[in-house]
Amino acid sequence: MTGIVVTGMGALSCYGSGVDTFWAGLTRRERVTPRPVEQLGPELTPLTTCLSVPAGALPAEPDPDRARAEGRTTRAARAVVREALAEAGLDAAADGGGRRAVLIASGVGEAALVEDWRAGTVAPPAGWTPTYATAAALAEEFGAEVAATGLSNACAGGSYALAMGADLIRAGEADVVIAGGVEMYARVTMAGFNRLGAIDPDGCRPFHRDRRGTGMGEGAAAVVLESEEHARRRGAAPLGRLLASGWSCDAYHATAPDPEAVEITRAMRETLRQAGRGADEVSFVVPHATGTQLSDTTECRALHQVFGARAAELPLYSLKALLGHTGGASGALAAVAAVLMLRHGRLPGNLPVADLDPECEVWLPTEPVADPGGLAMTNAFGFGGHNISLLFERYGRRAD
């Protein structure tokens, strides 16, 4: 099987812009205060706080025509792709760096911009705008010759983008894949989660006994994927390996997971099978862990089915407790976090969970775990029963 490596990464979150800023926020275990986004009225959307990207972290668009056609979602995606390409040593436009594909996931895309067009607060662009506007804009700027794909596999989309990108490379259809996810505040997202009763007014509290839902966050992440051979030929320094992915679908309920966790378990086991690794070799897991009642207990059930008694001793890193739920970006941000932890040889401490749910027998270390090992699993589960696990491996020696 063709070896797939990560050669560049970009990140944007409530901590600000850049992978270094992202890592610093995680290692400081810094919890950002959610900010009120707008007042829609309690009868419409009573909870309107979000872990927003800080003011100034998202570059302004100097071109007025482009500003009318593109909203914060596309600008955020462009920022993280530029960072990832720069780290990979690739120019913004294809320059002999290989046949490129762009796969970018988002749950609602530019919904906020479309609302502004319809409200008349922003003048819409002249002519036709593609429904996959973000992927199209990125493909045009960064020279995608193979694919310009916008995914909407709900909250699992960012992970699916990476998995599909790796498959394109293994099939010989692409040399370089820019894959990731983005989610910025939109009324439709906030109203939908409110309507489902799935937002916790106390924020995202994965595995807490009294958790009442998730907390919304803005974010974007991108990675550059290549075959190991292609990266070697152009002298790139890999950051990590993407070993395998495992997909499944519950087809159980529009929003709720199958409580028996059959298909979630299958996705995790399929990832290990494709990688030729055993469950006992996994060093740590970045779980989906949204803070919703059913999702957390179901994922814990799957962890115990896959890892057995070791599930209670396997370190987990609860990313959404710090970033909030970033929707289509969450799987891509988890991938960036996992690669950083492998490179640095350190698992940052989790935010303490004051009262762990007795149905969630897991280990969330509150102090950093030094050299947890070289194999990381990430999980992402979305509405509609979309389940995916990815397996990453440290490349070479630790960075520090």
Protein backbone atom coordinates (compact mmCIF):
# COMPACT_ATOMS: atom_id res chain seq x y z
CA MET A 1 0.00 0.00 0.00
CA THR A 2 1.27 3.50 -0.87
CA GLY A 3 2.52 5.34 2.22
CA ILE A 4 0.71 8.66 2.81
CA VAL A 5 2.46 11.47 4.66
CA VAL A 6 1.44 14.87 5.98
CA THR A 7 3.85 17.56 4.78
CA GLY A 8 2.04 20.74 5.80
CA MET A 9 -0.67 21.90 8.21
CA GLY A 10 -2.71 25.02 8.86
CA ALA A 11 -5.07 25.85 11.73
CA LEU A 12 -7.51 28.56 12.77
CA SER A 13 -9.46 28.37 16.01
CA CYS A 14 -10.72 30.35 18.98
CA TYR A 15 -7.04 30.71 19.93
CA GLY A 16 -6.25 32.60 16.74
CA SER A 17 -4.43 31.93 13.51
CA GLY A 18 -1.67 29.43 12.90
CA VAL A 19 -0.57 25.98 13.99
CA ASP A 20 1.90 27.38 16.53
CA THR A 21 -0.86 29.45 18.14
CA PHE A 22 -3.11 26.39 18.16
CA TRP A 23 -0.49 24.22 19.87
CA ALA A 24 0.31 26.93 22.41
CA GLY A 25 -3.37 27.16 23.36
CA LEU A 26 -3.62 23.40 23.84
CA THR A 27 -0.47 23.17 25.94
CA ARG A 28 -1.59 26.07 28.14
CA ARG A 29 -4.94 24.30 28.53
CA GLU A 30 -6.48 27.68 27.88
CA ARG A 31 -10.28 27.88 27.89
CA VAL A 32 -11.58 30.81 25.88
CA THR A 33 -14.75 32.55 27.06
CA PRO A 34 -17.60 32.11 24.55
CA ARG A 35 -18.78 35.39 23.08
CA PRO A 36 -22.36 36.37 22.26
CA VAL A 37 -22.60 36.34 18.47
CA GLU A 38 -25.90 38.13 17.91
CA GLN A 39 -29.29 38.51 19.51
CA LEU A 40 -31.93 36.68 17.52
CA GLY A 41 -34.54 36.74 20.25
CA PRO A 42 -35.23 34.04 22.83
CA GLU A 43 -38.20 32.73 20.86
CA LEU A 44 -35.88 32.02 17.90
CA THR A 45 -32.47 31.08 19.28
CA PRO A 46 -32.07 31.49 23.04
CA LEU A 47 -28.39 30.43 23.10
CA THR A 48 -26.18 32.45 20.78
CA THR A 49 -22.71 32.17 22.28
CA CYS A 50 -19.84 30.77 20.25
CA LEU A 51 -16.11 30.19 20.66
CA SER A 52 -15.39 32.57 17.83
CA VAL A 53 -12.18 33.20 15.93
CA PRO A 54 -10.64 36.34 17.50
CA ALA A 55 -11.04 39.64 15.71
CA GLY A 56 -8.09 40.18 13.40
CA ALA A 57 -7.21 36.48 13.13
CA LEU A 58 -9.16 36.16 9.89
CA PRO A 59 -7.53 38.16 7.07
CA ALA A 60 -9.70 40.79 5.43
CA GLU A 61 -10.40 40.46 1.73
CA PRO A 62 -8.98 43.51 -0.11
CA ASP A 63 -10.68 42.69 -3.43
CA PRO A 64 -14.26 44.13 -3.25
CA ASP A 65 -15.57 41.80 -5.96
CA ARG A 66 -14.21 38.76 -4.16
CA ALA A 67 -15.52 40.09 -0.83
CA ARG A 68 -19.06 40.13 -2.24
CA ALA A 69 -18.76 36.58 -3.54
CA GLU A 70 -16.98 35.06 -0.56
CA GLY A 71 -17.75 35.05 3.13
CA ARG A 72 -15.85 34.20 6.30
CA THR A 73 -15.98 30.48 5.56
CA THR A 74 -13.97 30.73 2.34
CA ARG A 75 -11.58 33.30 3.83
CA ALA A 76 -10.90 31.00 6.79
CA ALA A 77 -10.30 28.03 4.51
CA ARG A 78 -7.97 30.05 2.30
CA ALA A 79 -5.92 31.14 5.34
CA VAL A 80 -5.29 27.60 6.61
CA VAL A 81 -4.52 26.26 3.12
CA ARG A 82 -1.93 28.98 2.56
CA GLU A 83 -0.28 28.10 5.87
CA ALA A 84 -0.29 24.38 5.07
CA LEU A 85 1.19 24.88 1.59
CA ALA A 86 3.89 27.18 2.95
CA GLU A 87 4.95 24.59 5.53
CA ALA A 88 4.94 21.92 2.82
CA GLY A 89 7.25 24.08 0.70
CA LEU A 90 4.72 24.41 -2.13
CA ASP A 91 3.78 27.62 -3.90
CA ALA A 92 0.20 28.79 -3.81
CA ALA A 93 -0.27 27.96 -7.49
CA ALA A 94 0.75 24.57 -8.87
CA ASP A 95 4.35 24.88 -10.03
CA GLY A 96 5.45 21.39 -10.81
CA GLY A 97 4.63 20.27 -7.29
CA GLY A 98 2.34 17.63 -8.75
CA ARG A 99 -1.27 17.10 -9.76
CA ARG A 100 -3.38 18.65 -7.03
CA ALA A 101 -6.80 18.01 -5.56
CA VAL A 102 -8.77 20.09 -3.06
CA LEU A 103 -11.22 18.41 -0.67
CA ILE A 104 -12.77 20.76 1.86
CA ALA A 105 -15.61 19.91 4.25
CA SER A 106 -18.18 22.19 5.84
CA GLY A 107 -21.54 21.52 7.41
CA VAL A 108 -23.27 24.69 6.18
CA GLY A 109 -20.61 26.36 4.02
CA GLU A 110 -21.34 30.02 3.26
CA ALA A 111 -24.84 29.95 4.77
CA ALA A 112 -24.21 33.20 6.65
CA LEU A 113 -23.20 34.99 3.44
CA VAL A 114 -26.25 33.69 1.57
CA GLU A 115 -28.47 35.03 4.38
CA ASP A 116 -26.80 38.44 4.01
CA TRP A 117 -27.44 38.39 0.25
CA ARG A 118 -31.10 37.57 0.80
CA ALA A 119 -31.44 40.18 3.55
CA GLY A 120 -29.90 42.82 1.31
CA THR A 121 -27.12 43.66 3.78
CA VAL A 122 -24.46 42.50 1.28
CA ALA A 123 -24.76 42.90 -2.47
CA PRO A 124 -24.59 39.49 -4.16
CA PRO A 125 -22.06 38.96 -6.95
CA ALA A 126 -23.11 39.19 -10.56
CA GLY A 127 -23.61 35.88 -12.32
CA TRP A 128 -23.64 32.33 -11.05
CA THR A 129 -22.09 31.19 -7.77
CA PRO A 130 -21.32 27.47 -7.34
CA THR A 131 -22.93 25.70 -4.41
CA TYR A 132 -19.50 24.31 -3.54
CA ALA A 133 -18.14 27.87 -3.47
CA THR A 134 -15.32 27.31 -0.97
CA ALA A 135 -13.86 24.29 -2.76
CA ALA A 136 -14.17 26.08 -6.10
CA ALA A 137 -12.40 29.19 -4.83
CA LEU A 138 -9.57 27.15 -3.31
CA ALA A 139 -9.19 25.03 -6.43
CA GLU A 140 -8.90 28.14 -8.60
CA GLU A 141 -6.32 29.83 -6.40
CA PHE A 142 -4.20 26.81 -5.56
CA GLY A 143 -4.18 25.11 -8.92
CA ALA A 144 -6.25 21.97 -8.40
CA GLU A 145 -6.10 19.84 -11.55
CA VAL A 146 -7.65 16.65 -10.21
CA ALA A 147 -10.63 17.53 -8.01
CA ALA A 148 -12.43 20.40 -6.31
CA THR A 149 -14.76 18.68 -3.87
CA GLY A 150 -16.93 20.15 -1.15
CA LEU A 151 -17.97 17.56 1.43
CA SER A 152 -20.86 17.82 3.86
CA ASN A 153 -20.70 14.64 5.93
CA ALA A 154 -21.89 16.69 8.89
CA CYS A 155 -19.43 16.75 11.79
CA ALA A 156 -17.34 13.95 10.28
CA GLY A 157 -16.63 15.86 7.06
CA GLY A 158 -13.09 17.02 7.85
CA SER A 159 -11.96 13.45 8.55
CA TYR A 160 -13.64 12.18 5.39
CA ALA A 161 -11.77 14.82 3.37
CA LEU A 162 -8.43 13.45 4.62
CA ALA A 163 -9.45 9.84 4.03
CA MET A 164 -10.70 10.50 0.50
CA GLY A 165 -7.59 12.52 -0.27
CA ALA A 166 -5.38 9.62 0.80
CA ASP A 167 -7.40 7.31 -1.43
CA LEU A 168 -6.88 9.62 -4.43
CA ILE A 169 -3.13 9.40 -3.91
CA ARG A 170 -3.14 5.63 -3.45
CA ALA A 171 -5.16 5.26 -6.65
CA GLY A 172 -2.55 7.24 -8.55
CA GLU A 173 -5.02 10.01 -9.42
CA ALA A 174 -3.31 12.82 -7.49
CA ASP A 175 0.18 13.67 -6.30
CA VAL A 176 -0.74 16.37 -3.77
CA VAL A 177 -4.03 16.68 -1.90
CA ILE A 178 -5.12 19.70 0.11
CA ALA A 179 -7.69 18.35 2.57
CA GLY A 180 -9.46 19.82 5.55
CA GLY A 181 -12.58 21.38 6.98
CA VAL A 182 -14.03 24.73 7.95
CA GLU A 183 -17.02 25.93 9.96
CA MET A 184 -17.81 29.52 10.81
CA TYR A 185 -20.80 30.88 12.70
CA ALA A 186 -24.11 30.73 10.88
CA ARG A 187 -27.64 31.27 12.18
CA VAL A 188 -28.81 28.01 10.62
CA THR A 189 -26.28 26.00 12.64
CA MET A 190 -27.06 27.71 15.93
CA ALA A 191 -30.82 27.56 15.38
CA GLY A 192 -30.66 23.89 14.38
CA PHE A 193 -28.73 22.79 17.46
CA ASN A 194 -30.98 24.91 19.67
CA ARG A 195 -34.04 23.31 18.14
CA LEU A 196 -32.61 19.87 18.89
CA GLY A 197 -31.93 20.90 22.49
CA ALA A 198 -28.30 19.98 21.87
CA ILE A 199 -26.50 23.08 23.22
CA ASP A 200 -25.22 23.12 26.79
CA PRO A 201 -25.48 26.63 28.29
CA ASP A 202 -22.40 25.76 30.38
CA GLY A 203 -20.33 24.98 27.28
CA CYS A 204 -18.99 21.75 25.85
CA ARG A 205 -18.35 19.31 28.73
CA PRO A 206 -17.50 15.90 27.24
CA PHE A 207 -17.96 12.93 29.59
CA HIS A 208 -19.34 15.08 32.43
CA ARG A 209 -22.17 13.48 34.39
CA ASP A 210 -24.33 16.61 33.99
CA ARG A 211 -23.49 17.45 30.36
CA ARG A 212 -26.47 18.84 28.47
CA GLY A 213 -25.18 19.18 24.94
CA THR A 214 -22.35 20.67 22.99
CA GLY A 215 -20.97 24.20 22.63
CA MET A 216 -20.40 25.80 19.24
CA GLY A 217 -17.02 26.95 17.98
CA GLU A 218 -15.50 28.39 14.83
CA GLY A 219 -12.49 26.79 13.22
CA ALA A 220 -10.66 25.61 10.14
CA ALA A 221 -7.80 23.24 9.44
CA ALA A 222 -5.99 21.99 6.35
CA VAL A 223 -3.31 19.40 5.73
CA VAL A 224 -1.18 18.68 2.70
CA LEU A 225 -1.08 14.97 1.88
CA GLU A 226 1.40 13.27 -0.46
CA SER A 227 2.78 9.84 -1.10
CA GLU A 228 5.99 9.27 0.81
CA GLU A 229 7.80 8.78 -2.50
CA HIS A 230 6.53 12.08 -3.93
CA ALA A 231 7.53 13.96 -0.79
CA ARG A 232 10.99 12.39 -0.89
CA ARG A 233 11.51 13.30 -4.55
CA ARG A 234 10.90 16.97 -3.90
CA GLY A 235 12.84 17.04 -0.63
CA ALA A 236 9.89 17.64 1.68
CA ALA A 237 10.13 16.82 5.38
CA PRO A 238 7.06 14.76 6.46
CA LEU A 239 5.35 15.68 9.71
CA GLY A 240 3.58 12.37 10.17
CA ARG A 241 1.98 9.41 8.42
CA LEU A 242 -1.71 8.86 7.75
CA LEU A 243 -1.80 5.08 7.94
CA ALA A 244 -5.44 4.23 7.35
CA SER A 245 -9.09 5.18 7.67
CA GLY A 246 -12.19 3.19 8.55
CA TRP A 247 -15.67 4.29 7.49
CA SER A 248 -19.16 3.10 8.38
CA CYS A 249 -22.72 4.41 8.50
CA ASP A 250 -25.36 3.67 11.12
CA ALA A 251 -28.40 4.53 8.98
CA TYR A 252 -30.04 4.49 12.42
CA HIS A 253 -31.40 8.00 13.03
CA ALA A 254 -31.09 11.46 11.52
CA THR A 255 -29.23 12.85 14.53
CA ALA A 256 -28.79 10.15 17.21
CA PRO A 257 -26.11 7.45 17.13
CA ASP A 258 -26.96 3.77 17.37
CA PRO A 259 -26.66 3.21 21.15
CA GLU A 260 -25.19 -0.25 20.58
CA ALA A 261 -22.22 1.39 18.80
CA VAL A 262 -21.99 -1.45 16.26
CA GLU A 263 -21.00 0.69 13.29
CA ILE A 264 -18.77 3.03 15.30
CA THR A 265 -16.92 -0.01 16.56
CA ARG A 266 -16.63 -1.33 13.01
CA ALA A 267 -15.10 1.94 11.79
CA MET A 268 -12.44 1.84 14.51
CA ARG A 269 -11.63 -1.81 13.91
CA GLU A 270 -11.50 -1.33 10.14
CA THR A 271 -8.92 1.42 10.58
CA LEU A 272 -6.71 -0.92 12.58
CA ARG A 273 -7.24 -3.75 10.10
CA GLN A 274 -6.26 -1.62 7.11
CA ALA A 275 -3.17 -0.39 8.93
CA GLY A 276 -2.22 -3.90 10.01
CA ARG A 277 -2.04 -2.77 13.64
CA GLY A 278 -3.47 -4.15 16.84
CA ALA A 279 -5.61 -2.25 19.32
CA ASP A 280 -2.85 -2.69 21.89
CA GLU A 281 -0.49 -0.62 19.71
CA VAL A 282 -2.62 2.57 19.81
CA SER A 283 -0.94 5.16 22.05
CA PHE A 284 -3.80 7.63 22.51
CA VAL A 285 -7.15 8.65 21.04
CA VAL A 286 -8.59 12.04 20.14
CA PRO A 287 -12.29 11.11 20.50
CA HIS A 288 -15.27 12.78 18.85
CA ALA A 289 -16.57 13.63 22.36
CA THR A 290 -19.16 16.33 21.65
CA GLY A 291 -20.58 16.59 25.16
CA THR A 292 -24.01 15.35 24.07
CA GLN A 293 -25.51 12.66 26.27
CA LEU A 294 -25.90 9.88 23.70
CA SER A 295 -22.77 10.55 21.65
CA ASP A 296 -20.35 10.38 24.57
CA THR A 297 -21.76 7.22 26.14
CA THR A 298 -21.96 5.51 22.73
CA GLU A 299 -18.36 6.37 21.92
CA CYS A 300 -17.25 5.08 25.32
CA ARG A 301 -19.08 1.84 24.62
CA ALA A 302 -17.24 1.54 21.29
CA LEU A 303 -13.88 2.27 22.92
CA HIS A 304 -14.42 -0.57 25.38
CA GLN A 305 -15.48 -2.93 22.60
CA VAL A 306 -12.33 -2.15 20.60
CA PHE A 307 -9.74 -1.80 23.38
CA GLY A 308 -11.24 -4.02 26.05
CA ALA A 309 -10.17 -3.40 29.65
CA ARG A 310 -7.36 -1.15 28.35
CA ALA A 311 -9.98 1.47 27.37
CA ALA A 312 -10.05 2.72 30.97
CA GLU A 313 -6.26 3.28 30.88
CA LEU A 314 -5.82 4.57 27.32
CA PRO A 315 -5.16 8.34 27.31
CA LEU A 316 -7.86 10.41 25.60
CA TYR A 317 -7.53 14.03 24.59
CA SER A 318 -10.85 15.90 24.70
CA LEU A 319 -10.28 18.60 22.08
CA LYS A 320 -13.83 20.00 21.95
CA ALA A 321 -13.70 20.82 25.67
CA LEU A 322 -11.31 23.61 24.64
CA LEU A 323 -12.35 24.51 21.08
CA GLY A 324 -16.07 23.85 21.20
CA HIS A 325 -17.69 21.84 18.43
CA THR A 326 -16.35 23.15 15.13
CA GLY A 327 -18.63 21.01 12.97
CA GLY A 328 -17.13 20.11 9.61
CA ALA A 329 -13.73 21.38 10.77
CA SER A 330 -13.59 19.23 13.92
CA GLY A 331 -12.11 16.10 12.33
CA ALA A 332 -9.44 18.10 10.51
CA LEU A 333 -8.51 20.00 13.70
CA ALA A 334 -8.31 16.66 15.52
CA ALA A 335 -5.91 15.41 12.83
CA VAL A 336 -3.69 18.47 13.24
CA ALA A 337 -3.75 18.03 17.03
CA ALA A 338 -2.85 14.33 16.76
CA VAL A 339 0.09 14.98 14.42
CA LEU A 340 1.37 17.74 16.72
CA MET A 341 1.16 15.46 19.76
CA LEU A 342 3.07 12.73 17.93
CA ARG A 343 5.72 15.17 16.75
CA HIS A 344 6.22 16.78 20.14
CA GLY A 345 6.01 13.51 22.01
CA ARG A 346 3.58 14.98 24.49
CA LEU A 347 -0.13 14.77 25.20
CA PRO A 348 -1.28 18.07 26.76
CA GLY A 349 -3.37 17.82 29.89
CA ASN A 350 -7.15 17.77 29.58
CA LEU A 351 -9.45 20.22 31.26
CA PRO A 352 -10.52 18.55 34.51
CA VAL A 353 -13.93 16.90 34.49
CA ALA A 354 -15.34 17.62 37.93
CA ASP A 355 -17.83 14.75 37.91
CA LEU A 356 -17.15 12.01 35.37
CA ASP A 357 -20.17 10.13 34.05
CA PRO A 358 -20.02 6.61 35.56
CA GLU A 359 -21.13 5.28 32.16
CA CYS A 360 -17.98 6.80 30.63
CA GLU A 361 -15.14 4.77 32.07
CA VAL A 362 -12.27 6.56 30.31
CA TRP A 363 -9.00 8.25 31.25
CA LEU A 364 -8.72 11.99 30.62
CA PRO A 365 -5.28 12.85 32.06
CA THR A 366 -5.24 16.38 33.45
CA GLU A 367 -1.45 16.52 33.50
CA PRO A 368 0.68 16.23 30.33
CA VAL A 369 1.59 12.69 29.33
CA ALA A 370 5.22 12.56 28.22
CA ASP A 371 6.03 10.34 25.25
CA PRO A 372 2.65 8.59 25.07
CA GLY A 373 3.81 6.62 22.02
CA GLY A 374 3.82 6.88 18.26
CA LEU A 375 0.33 5.83 17.12
CA ALA A 376 -2.77 8.03 17.41
CA MET A 377 -6.40 7.39 16.52
CA THR A 378 -8.92 10.15 15.84
CA ASN A 379 -12.68 9.63 15.78
CA ALA A 380 -15.43 11.65 14.09
CA PHE A 381 -19.13 10.85 14.05
CA GLY A 382 -21.70 12.99 12.28
CA PHE A 383 -25.45 13.37 11.92
CA GLY A 384 -26.91 10.76 9.63
CA GLY A 385 -24.68 8.08 11.12
CA HIS A 386 -21.44 9.06 9.38
CA ASN A 387 -18.62 7.37 11.32
CA ILE A 388 -14.91 7.54 10.57
CA SER A 389 -11.66 6.81 12.37
CA LEU A 390 -8.18 7.78 11.21
CA LEU A 391 -4.85 6.35 12.33
CA PHE A 392 -1.71 8.53 12.40
CA GLU A 393 1.88 7.49 13.06
CA ARG A 394 4.86 9.54 14.15
CA TYR A 395 7.35 10.12 11.34
CA GLY A 396 10.98 9.77 12.37
CA ARG A 397 12.17 11.24 15.64
CA ARG A 398 10.26 13.52 17.98
CA ALA A 399 10.52 17.23 17.24
CA ASP A 400 11.47 18.07 20.83
